[in-house]
Amino acid sequence: EQTVATLTAIDLDVSDFDFTFALMNFKEDFTLSADGVLKAIAKFDREEKGSFELQVTVQNSKGATVLETTIEVNVADLNDNSPTFECGEKVECNPQAKENDA
């Protein structure tokens, strides 16, 4: 489980509202706490899926929905698959250096 982001909401018209956040999709991959902490709860492979478009709803303290938005989360690429070589014409699998030959 890793924290991906902390979301915040501001209403310039009213300063005394508290906001609650809700995640509407990809709930098997992410959690979003009511106070806006977005966490990844799954293991990702960038080669399988490079990004997620999360649908988020924000409500004010009176329960009214004030915003529905999309947040894009990109998956960072790691070198989790090292390159391999096959023996053949251009790759010698058992190279040898000759003794005292420079």
N, C-alpha and C. Protein backbone atom coordinates (compact mmCIF):
# COMPACT_ATOMS: atom_id res chain seq x y z
N GLU A 1 0.86 -1.17 0.00
CA GLU A 1 0.00 0.00 0.00
C GLU A 1 0.90 1.23 0.00
N GLN A 2 0.67 2.11 -0.96
CA GLN A 2 1.49 3.32 -1.03
C GLN A 2 0.61 4.54 -1.28
N THR A 3 0.95 5.65 -0.63
CA THR A 3 0.22 6.89 -0.84
C THR A 3 0.63 7.47 -2.19
N VAL A 4 -0.37 7.76 -3.02
CA VAL A 4 -0.13 8.30 -4.36
C VAL A 4 -0.29 9.82 -4.35
N ALA A 5 -1.29 10.31 -3.64
CA ALA A 5 -1.56 11.75 -3.61
C ALA A 5 -2.46 12.07 -2.43
N THR A 6 -2.47 13.34 -2.07
CA THR A 6 -3.43 13.85 -1.10
C THR A 6 -4.23 14.94 -1.80
N LEU A 7 -5.53 14.72 -1.93
CA LEU A 7 -6.41 15.65 -2.63
C LEU A 7 -6.94 16.70 -1.67
N THR A 8 -7.14 17.89 -2.19
CA THR A 8 -7.74 18.96 -1.40
C THR A 8 -8.80 19.65 -2.24
N ALA A 9 -9.75 20.26 -1.57
CA ALA A 9 -10.79 21.03 -2.25
C ALA A 9 -10.96 22.35 -1.52
N ILE A 10 -11.22 23.39 -2.28
CA ILE A 10 -11.41 24.73 -1.72
C ILE A 10 -12.64 25.34 -2.38
N ASP A 11 -13.49 25.94 -1.57
CA ASP A 11 -14.62 26.70 -2.09
C ASP A 11 -14.35 28.16 -1.77
N LEU A 12 -14.10 28.96 -2.78
CA LEU A 12 -13.74 30.36 -2.57
C LEU A 12 -14.91 31.20 -2.05
N ASP A 13 -16.14 30.67 -2.21
CA ASP A 13 -17.31 31.40 -1.73
C ASP A 13 -17.57 31.17 -0.24
N VAL A 14 -17.26 29.98 0.24
CA VAL A 14 -17.54 29.61 1.64
C VAL A 14 -16.28 28.99 2.23
N SER A 15 -15.82 29.52 3.34
CA SER A 15 -14.56 29.03 3.90
C SER A 15 -14.74 27.99 5.01
N ASP A 16 -15.96 27.80 5.51
CA ASP A 16 -16.12 26.91 6.66
C ASP A 16 -16.65 25.53 6.30
N PHE A 17 -16.60 25.14 5.02
CA PHE A 17 -17.04 23.81 4.62
C PHE A 17 -15.90 22.80 4.78
N ASP A 18 -16.25 21.63 5.24
CA ASP A 18 -15.34 20.49 5.17
C ASP A 18 -15.79 19.67 3.97
N PHE A 19 -14.86 19.07 3.28
CA PHE A 19 -15.17 18.29 2.08
C PHE A 19 -14.85 16.83 2.31
N THR A 20 -15.65 15.98 1.70
CA THR A 20 -15.38 14.55 1.70
C THR A 20 -15.21 14.08 0.27
N PHE A 21 -14.29 13.13 0.10
CA PHE A 21 -13.94 12.60 -1.21
C PHE A 21 -14.41 11.16 -1.32
N ALA A 22 -14.80 10.77 -2.53
CA ALA A 22 -15.22 9.39 -2.77
C ALA A 22 -14.69 8.95 -4.14
N LEU A 23 -14.14 7.76 -4.16
CA LEU A 23 -13.64 7.16 -5.40
C LEU A 23 -14.78 6.37 -6.04
N MET A 24 -15.00 6.59 -7.34
CA MET A 24 -16.13 5.97 -8.01
C MET A 24 -15.75 4.75 -8.86
N ASN A 25 -14.48 4.58 -9.19
CA ASN A 25 -14.06 3.44 -10.01
C ASN A 25 -12.68 2.96 -9.57
N PHE A 26 -12.23 1.85 -10.11
CA PHE A 26 -10.93 1.24 -9.80
C PHE A 26 -10.73 1.03 -8.30
N LYS A 27 -11.81 0.65 -7.61
CA LYS A 27 -11.74 0.43 -6.17
C LYS A 27 -10.93 -0.81 -5.80
N GLU A 28 -10.70 -1.70 -6.77
CA GLU A 28 -9.86 -2.87 -6.50
C GLU A 28 -8.37 -2.52 -6.58
N ASP A 29 -8.05 -1.34 -7.11
CA ASP A 29 -6.66 -0.91 -7.26
C ASP A 29 -6.26 0.24 -6.34
N PHE A 30 -7.25 1.06 -5.94
CA PHE A 30 -6.97 2.26 -5.15
C PHE A 30 -7.99 2.40 -4.03
N THR A 31 -7.60 3.13 -2.99
CA THR A 31 -8.54 3.58 -1.96
C THR A 31 -8.41 5.10 -1.88
N LEU A 32 -9.51 5.74 -1.51
CA LEU A 32 -9.52 7.18 -1.30
C LEU A 32 -10.26 7.44 0.00
N SER A 33 -9.53 7.94 0.99
CA SER A 33 -10.17 8.22 2.28
C SER A 33 -11.06 9.46 2.14
N ALA A 34 -11.98 9.60 3.08
CA ALA A 34 -12.90 10.73 3.05
C ALA A 34 -12.16 12.06 3.11
N ASP A 35 -10.97 12.06 3.75
CA ASP A 35 -10.20 13.31 3.84
C ASP A 35 -9.22 13.49 2.68
N GLY A 36 -9.27 12.63 1.65
CA GLY A 36 -8.55 12.88 0.41
C GLY A 36 -7.23 12.16 0.20
N VAL A 37 -6.91 11.18 1.03
CA VAL A 37 -5.65 10.45 0.84
C VAL A 37 -5.89 9.30 -0.14
N LEU A 38 -5.22 9.38 -1.29
CA LEU A 38 -5.34 8.37 -2.34
C LEU A 38 -4.19 7.39 -2.20
N LYS A 39 -4.53 6.09 -2.08
CA LYS A 39 -3.50 5.06 -1.92
C LYS A 39 -3.68 3.98 -2.98
N ALA A 40 -2.55 3.45 -3.46
CA ALA A 40 -2.56 2.30 -4.35
C ALA A 40 -2.55 1.05 -3.47
N ILE A 41 -3.45 0.11 -3.77
CA ILE A 41 -3.52 -1.11 -2.96
C ILE A 41 -3.24 -2.35 -3.80
N ALA A 42 -2.92 -2.16 -5.08
CA ALA A 42 -2.61 -3.28 -5.97
C ALA A 42 -1.19 -3.12 -6.49
N LYS A 43 -0.67 -4.21 -7.06
CA LYS A 43 0.62 -4.14 -7.74
C LYS A 43 0.35 -3.86 -9.20
N PHE A 44 1.14 -2.95 -9.78
CA PHE A 44 0.92 -2.54 -11.15
C PHE A 44 2.08 -2.97 -12.03
N ASP A 45 1.80 -3.15 -13.30
CA ASP A 45 2.81 -3.44 -14.31
C ASP A 45 2.56 -2.47 -15.46
N ARG A 46 3.48 -1.54 -15.67
CA ARG A 46 3.29 -0.50 -16.69
C ARG A 46 3.10 -1.08 -18.08
N GLU A 47 3.71 -2.22 -18.34
CA GLU A 47 3.55 -2.84 -19.66
C GLU A 47 2.12 -3.34 -19.87
N GLU A 48 1.42 -3.63 -18.80
CA GLU A 48 0.02 -4.07 -18.91
C GLU A 48 -0.95 -2.89 -18.91
N LYS A 49 -0.71 -1.91 -18.04
CA LYS A 49 -1.58 -0.72 -17.96
C LYS A 49 -0.73 0.45 -17.48
N GLY A 50 -0.61 1.47 -18.32
CA GLY A 50 0.29 2.57 -18.03
C GLY A 50 -0.33 3.72 -17.24
N SER A 51 -1.66 3.77 -17.18
CA SER A 51 -2.30 4.85 -16.44
C SER A 51 -3.73 4.47 -16.08
N PHE A 52 -4.26 5.20 -15.11
CA PHE A 52 -5.64 5.01 -14.65
C PHE A 52 -6.32 6.37 -14.65
N GLU A 53 -7.58 6.41 -15.07
CA GLU A 53 -8.39 7.62 -14.97
C GLU A 53 -9.42 7.40 -13.88
N LEU A 54 -9.15 7.98 -12.73
CA LEU A 54 -10.01 7.79 -11.56
C LEU A 54 -11.11 8.84 -11.54
N GLN A 55 -12.33 8.38 -11.29
CA GLN A 55 -13.47 9.28 -11.15
C GLN A 55 -13.64 9.57 -9.66
N VAL A 56 -13.61 10.86 -9.32
CA VAL A 56 -13.70 11.27 -7.91
C VAL A 56 -14.86 12.24 -7.74
N THR A 57 -15.60 12.04 -6.66
CA THR A 57 -16.69 12.93 -6.29
C THR A 57 -16.32 13.64 -5.00
N VAL A 58 -16.61 14.94 -4.95
CA VAL A 58 -16.35 15.74 -3.75
C VAL A 58 -17.68 16.28 -3.26
N GLN A 59 -17.94 16.09 -1.95
CA GLN A 59 -19.16 16.61 -1.34
C GLN A 59 -18.79 17.59 -0.23
N ASN A 60 -19.67 18.58 -0.03
CA ASN A 60 -19.44 19.50 1.08
C ASN A 60 -20.05 18.93 2.35
N SER A 61 -19.88 19.65 3.46
CA SER A 61 -20.33 19.14 4.76
C SER A 61 -21.85 19.03 4.87
N LYS A 62 -22.60 19.62 3.93
CA LYS A 62 -24.05 19.48 3.91
C LYS A 62 -24.50 18.30 3.06
N GLY A 63 -23.53 17.57 2.48
CA GLY A 63 -23.86 16.39 1.69
C GLY A 63 -24.13 16.66 0.22
N ALA A 64 -23.97 17.89 -0.19
CA ALA A 64 -24.20 18.23 -1.60
C ALA A 64 -22.93 17.96 -2.42
N THR A 65 -23.12 17.33 -3.56
CA THR A 65 -21.99 17.09 -4.46
C THR A 65 -21.60 18.42 -5.10
N VAL A 66 -20.33 18.81 -4.90
CA VAL A 66 -19.87 20.08 -5.44
C VAL A 66 -18.94 19.90 -6.64
N LEU A 67 -18.45 18.67 -6.81
CA LEU A 67 -17.51 18.44 -7.91
C LEU A 67 -17.43 16.97 -8.24
N GLU A 68 -17.45 16.68 -9.52
CA GLU A 68 -17.13 15.34 -10.03
C GLU A 68 -16.01 15.55 -11.03
N THR A 69 -14.90 14.88 -10.82
CA THR A 69 -13.73 15.12 -11.65
C THR A 69 -12.99 13.82 -11.96
N THR A 70 -12.10 13.90 -12.92
CA THR A 70 -11.25 12.77 -13.30
C THR A 70 -9.82 13.10 -12.92
N ILE A 71 -9.16 12.15 -12.29
CA ILE A 71 -7.75 12.30 -11.92
C ILE A 71 -6.97 11.20 -12.63
N GLU A 72 -5.95 11.59 -13.38
CA GLU A 72 -5.13 10.60 -14.08
C GLU A 72 -3.93 10.24 -13.22
N VAL A 73 -3.76 8.94 -13.00
CA VAL A 73 -2.61 8.42 -12.26
C VAL A 73 -1.77 7.62 -13.24
N ASN A 74 -0.51 8.04 -13.42
CA ASN A 74 0.40 7.33 -14.31
C ASN A 74 1.23 6.34 -13.52
N VAL A 75 1.46 5.17 -14.12
CA VAL A 75 2.26 4.13 -13.49
C VAL A 75 3.71 4.33 -13.91
N ALA A 76 4.61 4.45 -12.94
CA ALA A 76 6.03 4.63 -13.23
C ALA A 76 6.61 3.32 -13.77
N ASP A 77 7.53 3.44 -14.71
CA ASP A 77 8.15 2.28 -15.33
C ASP A 77 9.40 1.88 -14.56
N LEU A 78 9.51 0.60 -14.26
CA LEU A 78 10.69 0.04 -13.63
C LEU A 78 11.29 -0.99 -14.57
N ASN A 79 12.58 -1.21 -14.48
CA ASN A 79 13.21 -2.24 -15.30
C ASN A 79 13.03 -3.58 -14.60
N ASP A 80 11.81 -4.10 -14.69
CA ASP A 80 11.50 -5.36 -14.01
C ASP A 80 11.69 -6.58 -14.91
N ASN A 81 12.01 -6.35 -16.17
CA ASN A 81 12.28 -7.44 -17.11
C ASN A 81 13.63 -7.17 -17.77
N SER A 82 14.68 -7.78 -17.23
CA SER A 82 16.01 -7.57 -17.78
C SER A 82 16.11 -8.15 -19.18
N PRO A 83 16.92 -7.53 -20.03
CA PRO A 83 17.08 -8.07 -21.39
C PRO A 83 17.80 -9.40 -21.38
N THR A 84 17.48 -10.23 -22.33
CA THR A 84 18.15 -11.51 -22.51
C THR A 84 18.69 -11.59 -23.93
N PHE A 85 19.70 -12.42 -24.12
CA PHE A 85 20.31 -12.59 -25.43
C PHE A 85 20.28 -14.05 -25.82
N GLU A 86 20.10 -14.28 -27.09
CA GLU A 86 20.14 -15.64 -27.61
C GLU A 86 21.44 -15.82 -28.38
N CYS A 87 22.05 -16.99 -28.24
CA CYS A 87 23.27 -17.29 -28.98
C CYS A 87 22.94 -17.35 -30.47
N GLY A 88 23.84 -16.87 -31.25
CA GLY A 88 23.61 -16.90 -32.68
C GLY A 88 24.75 -16.24 -33.43
N GLU A 89 24.45 -15.82 -34.61
CA GLU A 89 25.46 -15.25 -35.49
C GLU A 89 26.10 -13.99 -34.93
N LYS A 90 25.32 -13.13 -34.28
CA LYS A 90 25.84 -11.85 -33.80
C LYS A 90 26.18 -11.85 -32.31
N VAL A 91 25.79 -12.89 -31.58
CA VAL A 91 26.06 -12.96 -30.15
C VAL A 91 26.73 -14.29 -29.86
N GLU A 92 27.97 -14.21 -29.36
CA GLU A 92 28.69 -15.42 -29.00
C GLU A 92 28.43 -15.70 -27.53
N CYS A 93 28.00 -16.91 -27.22
CA CYS A 93 27.59 -17.22 -25.85
C CYS A 93 28.75 -17.62 -24.94
N ASN A 94 29.86 -17.97 -25.50
CA ASN A 94 31.00 -18.37 -24.69
C ASN A 94 32.24 -17.61 -25.17
N PRO A 95 32.24 -16.28 -25.02
CA PRO A 95 33.38 -15.52 -25.52
C PRO A 95 34.64 -15.80 -24.69
N GLN A 96 35.79 -15.76 -25.35
CA GLN A 96 37.06 -15.98 -24.67
C GLN A 96 38.07 -14.94 -25.14
N ALA A 97 38.89 -14.49 -24.20
CA ALA A 97 40.00 -13.59 -24.54
C ALA A 97 41.26 -14.42 -24.54
N LYS A 98 42.09 -14.19 -25.52
CA LYS A 98 43.35 -14.94 -25.61
C LYS A 98 44.34 -14.39 -24.59
N GLU A 99 45.13 -15.28 -24.02
CA GLU A 99 46.13 -14.94 -23.05
C GLU A 99 47.26 -14.13 -23.69
N ASN A 100 47.69 -13.05 -23.02
CA ASN A 100 48.80 -12.21 -23.49
C ASN A 100 48.60 -11.68 -24.88
N ASP A 101 47.37 -11.37 -25.25
CA ASP A 101 47.07 -10.83 -26.58
C ASP A 101 46.27 -9.55 -26.41
N ALA A 102 46.94 -8.42 -26.61
CA ALA A 102 46.23 -7.15 -26.43
C ALA A 102 46.22 -6.37 -27.70
